[in-house]
Amino acid sequence: MKKKSLNGKKGELEAAEYLIANHKYKILERNFRRGKEEIDIIAEDNGTIVFIEVKTRKDAKYEYPASSISQKKIEKIKRVAEFFLYQNGIYNVECRFDAVLILKNENKITLIKDAFR
């Protein structure tokens, strides 16, 4: 299992705080795991369950954060999301997948709602 960097953990905390303060999300879970797969943040936004991938980069010199969310990663997140819903007996509720992108050198946080469409 790949360990998260300190930068990644700080980014996830920063993302959660940003979602609460600026978008009024209610955080339900952080770092929800199923085996080796994980969802960074699970939140509720006006009755919608939101599964959130957080990408933190020092700068965009080599790669903008969003470009590191591959199709394979998206499929893993969707599998873990299904498990979360099943495990918690959540049915017939609207769900979506968001991404929070953090560029440290620009002190910039971007929320992309419905990021996997």
C-alpha atoms as a PDB file:
ATOM      1  CA  MET A   1       0.000   0.000   0.000  1.00  0.00           C
ATOM      2  CA  LYS A   2       1.342   3.394  -1.006  1.00  0.00           C
ATOM      3  CA  LYS A   3       1.756   5.784   1.921  1.00  0.00           C
ATOM      4  CA  LYS A   4       0.501   9.315   1.591  1.00  0.00           C
ATOM      5  CA  SER A   5       3.025  12.096   1.660  1.00  0.00           C
ATOM      6  CA  LEU A   6       2.828  14.699   4.385  1.00  0.00           C
ATOM      7  CA  ASN A   7       1.981  17.182   1.607  1.00  0.00           C
ATOM      8  CA  GLY A   8      -0.939  14.956   0.522  1.00  0.00           C
ATOM      9  CA  LYS A   9      -2.311  14.651   4.075  1.00  0.00           C
ATOM     10  CA  LYS A  10      -2.061  18.405   4.617  1.00  0.00           C
ATOM     11  CA  GLY A  11      -3.741  18.974   1.263  1.00  0.00           C
ATOM     12  CA  GLU A  12      -6.664  16.740   2.208  1.00  0.00           C
ATOM     13  CA  LEU A  13      -7.128  18.585   5.502  1.00  0.00           C
ATOM     14  CA  GLU A  14      -6.931  21.916   3.679  1.00  0.00           C
ATOM     15  CA  ALA A  15      -9.455  20.664   1.097  1.00  0.00           C
ATOM     16  CA  ALA A  16     -11.902  19.555   3.812  1.00  0.00           C
ATOM     17  CA  GLU A  17     -11.641  22.908   5.567  1.00  0.00           C
ATOM     18  CA  TYR A  18     -12.126  24.718   2.242  1.00  0.00           C
ATOM     19  CA  LEU A  19     -15.221  22.644   1.377  1.00  0.00           C
ATOM     20  CA  ILE A  20     -16.791  23.362   4.766  1.00  0.00           C
ATOM     21  CA  ALA A  21     -15.970  27.080   4.865  1.00  0.00           C
ATOM     22  CA  ASN A  22     -16.562  28.028   1.233  1.00  0.00           C
ATOM     23  CA  HIS A  23     -19.123  25.541  -0.064  1.00  0.00           C
ATOM     24  CA  LYS A  24     -20.956  24.435   3.108  1.00  0.00           C
ATOM     25  CA  TYR A  25     -20.223  20.735   2.544  1.00  0.00           C
ATOM     26  CA  LYS A  26     -20.726  18.429   5.521  1.00  0.00           C
ATOM     27  CA  ILE A  27     -17.781  16.029   5.809  1.00  0.00           C
ATOM     28  CA  LEU A  28     -18.966  12.464   6.409  1.00  0.00           C
ATOM     29  CA  GLU A  29     -15.677  10.550   6.121  1.00  0.00           C
ATOM     30  CA  ARG A  30     -12.026  11.171   5.375  1.00  0.00           C
ATOM     31  CA  ASN A  31      -9.706   8.552   3.926  1.00  0.00           C
ATOM     32  CA  PHE A  32     -12.414   5.914   3.539  1.00  0.00           C
ATOM     33  CA  ARG A  33     -10.735   2.652   2.569  1.00  0.00           C
ATOM     34  CA  ARG A  34     -11.684  -0.607   1.008  1.00  0.00           C
ATOM     35  CA  GLY A  35      -8.555  -2.711   0.954  1.00  0.00           C
ATOM     36  CA  LYS A  36      -5.843  -0.734  -0.819  1.00  0.00           C
ATOM     37  CA  GLU A  37      -8.292   1.634  -2.477  1.00  0.00           C
ATOM     38  CA  GLU A  38      -9.364   4.910  -0.906  1.00  0.00           C
ATOM     39  CA  ILE A  39     -11.597   7.931  -1.281  1.00  0.00           C
ATOM     40  CA  ASP A  40     -10.011  11.063   0.161  1.00  0.00           C
ATOM     41  CA  ILE A  41     -13.197  12.786   1.329  1.00  0.00           C
ATOM     42  CA  ILE A  42     -16.855  11.790   1.411  1.00  0.00           C
ATOM     43  CA  ALA A  43     -19.220  14.676   2.025  1.00  0.00           C
ATOM     44  CA  GLU A  44     -22.825  15.750   1.751  1.00  0.00           C
ATOM     45  CA  ASP A  45     -23.794  18.780  -0.325  1.00  0.00           C
ATOM     46  CA  ASN A  46     -27.490  19.732  -0.150  1.00  0.00           C
ATOM     47  CA  GLY A  47     -28.636  16.110   0.077  1.00  0.00           C
ATOM     48  CA  THR A  48     -26.154  14.785  -2.480  1.00  0.00           C
ATOM     49  CA  ILE A  49     -23.423  12.362  -1.400  1.00  0.00           C
ATOM     50  CA  VAL A  50     -20.140  13.615  -2.859  1.00  0.00           C
ATOM     51  CA  PHE A  51     -17.021  11.496  -3.303  1.00  0.00           C
ATOM     52  CA  ILE A  52     -13.996  13.767  -3.546  1.00  0.00           C
ATOM     53  CA  GLU A  53     -10.508  13.165  -4.897  1.00  0.00           C
ATOM     54  CA  VAL A  54      -7.903  15.644  -3.668  1.00  0.00           C
ATOM     55  CA  LYS A  55      -4.768  16.372  -5.673  1.00  0.00           C
ATOM     56  CA  THR A  56      -2.066  18.570  -4.167  1.00  0.00           C
ATOM     57  CA  ARG A  57       0.980  19.791  -6.041  1.00  0.00           C
ATOM     58  CA  LYS A  58       3.744  22.174  -5.059  1.00  0.00           C
ATOM     59  CA  ASP A  59       3.555  23.703  -8.528  1.00  0.00           C
ATOM     60  CA  ALA A  60       2.340  22.873 -12.026  1.00  0.00           C
ATOM     61  CA  LYS A  61       5.856  22.690 -13.460  1.00  0.00           C
ATOM     62  CA  TYR A  62       5.535  19.043 -14.513  1.00  0.00           C
ATOM     63  CA  GLU A  63       1.843  18.277 -14.186  1.00  0.00           C
ATOM     64  CA  TYR A  64      -1.341  20.130 -13.344  1.00  0.00           C
ATOM     65  CA  PRO A  65      -3.089  18.283 -10.479  1.00  0.00           C
ATOM     66  CA  ALA A  66      -6.162  17.282 -12.499  1.00  0.00           C
ATOM     67  CA  SER A  67      -4.089  15.453 -15.097  1.00  0.00           C
ATOM     68  CA  SER A  68      -3.028  12.903 -12.493  1.00  0.00           C
ATOM     69  CA  ILE A  69      -6.593  11.585 -12.090  1.00  0.00           C
ATOM     70  CA  SER A  70      -6.472   8.716 -14.564  1.00  0.00           C
ATOM     71  CA  GLN A  71      -9.366   6.621 -15.843  1.00  0.00           C
ATOM     72  CA  LYS A  72      -8.035   3.754 -13.725  1.00  0.00           C
ATOM     73  CA  LYS A  73      -8.134   5.969 -10.621  1.00  0.00           C
ATOM     74  CA  ILE A  74     -11.690   7.058 -11.456  1.00  0.00           C
ATOM     75  CA  GLU A  75     -12.801   3.410 -11.721  1.00  0.00           C
ATOM     76  CA  LYS A  76     -11.225   2.643  -8.321  1.00  0.00           C
ATOM     77  CA  ILE A  77     -12.951   5.607  -6.699  1.00  0.00           C
ATOM     78  CA  LYS A  78     -16.289   4.504  -8.155  1.00  0.00           C
ATOM     79  CA  ARG A  79     -15.826   0.967  -6.770  1.00  0.00           C
ATOM     80  CA  VAL A  80     -15.039   2.301  -3.291  1.00  0.00           C
ATOM     81  CA  ALA A  81     -18.014   4.688  -3.524  1.00  0.00           C
ATOM     82  CA  GLU A  82     -20.344   1.770  -4.296  1.00  0.00           C
ATOM     83  CA  PHE A  83     -18.914  -0.107  -1.307  1.00  0.00           C
ATOM     84  CA  PHE A  84     -19.418   2.923   0.956  1.00  0.00           C
ATOM     85  CA  LEU A  85     -23.056   3.238  -0.091  1.00  0.00           C
ATOM     86  CA  TYR A  86     -23.680  -0.501   0.346  1.00  0.00           C
ATOM     87  CA  GLN A  87     -21.893  -0.669   3.720  1.00  0.00           C
ATOM     88  CA  ASN A  88     -23.907   2.273   5.043  1.00  0.00           C
ATOM     89  CA  GLY A  89     -27.267   1.130   3.636  1.00  0.00           C
ATOM     90  CA  ILE A  90     -27.568   4.250   1.498  1.00  0.00           C
ATOM     91  CA  TYR A  91     -29.909   3.769  -1.448  1.00  0.00           C
ATOM     92  CA  ASN A  92     -31.788   6.037  -3.828  1.00  0.00           C
ATOM     93  CA  VAL A  93     -29.732   9.115  -3.078  1.00  0.00           C
ATOM     94  CA  GLU A  94     -28.092  11.390  -5.596  1.00  0.00           C
ATOM     95  CA  CYS A  95     -24.304  11.022  -5.776  1.00  0.00           C
ATOM     96  CA  ARG A  96     -21.531  12.840  -7.578  1.00  0.00           C
ATOM     97  CA  PHE A  97     -17.760  12.836  -7.886  1.00  0.00           C
ATOM     98  CA  ASP A  98     -15.864  16.075  -7.296  1.00  0.00           C
ATOM     99  CA  ALA A  99     -12.171  16.912  -7.351  1.00  0.00           C
ATOM    100  CA  VAL A 100     -10.293  19.467  -5.298  1.00  0.00           C
ATOM    101  CA  LEU A 101      -7.069  20.642  -6.870  1.00  0.00           C
ATOM    102  CA  ILE A 102      -4.470  22.449  -4.785  1.00  0.00           C
ATOM    103  CA  LEU A 103      -1.464  24.332  -6.150  1.00  0.00           C
ATOM    104  CA  LYS A 104       0.690  25.281  -3.170  1.00  0.00           C
ATOM    105  CA  ASN A 105       2.990  27.809  -4.868  1.00  0.00           C
ATOM    106  CA  GLU A 106      -0.027  29.772  -6.124  1.00  0.00           C
ATOM    107  CA  ASN A 107      -1.964  29.284  -2.865  1.00  0.00           C
ATOM    108  CA  LYS A 108      -4.855  28.197  -5.070  1.00  0.00           C
ATOM    109  CA  ILE A 109      -7.658  25.719  -4.400  1.00  0.00           C
ATOM    110  CA  THR A 110     -10.078  24.749  -7.164  1.00  0.00           C
ATOM    111  CA  LEU A 111     -13.255  22.724  -6.732  1.00  0.00           C
ATOM    112  CA  ILE A 112     -14.444  20.859  -9.804  1.00  0.00           C
ATOM    113  CA  LYS A 113     -17.988  19.611  -9.268  1.00  0.00           C
ATOM    114  CA  ASP A 114     -19.019  16.492 -11.170  1.00  0.00           C
ATOM    115  CA  ALA A 115     -15.393  16.061 -12.204  1.00  0.00           C
ATOM    116  CA  PHE A 116     -15.649  12.588 -13.747  1.00  0.00           C
ATOM    117  CA  ARG A 117     -18.190  13.366 -16.488  1.00  0.00           C
END
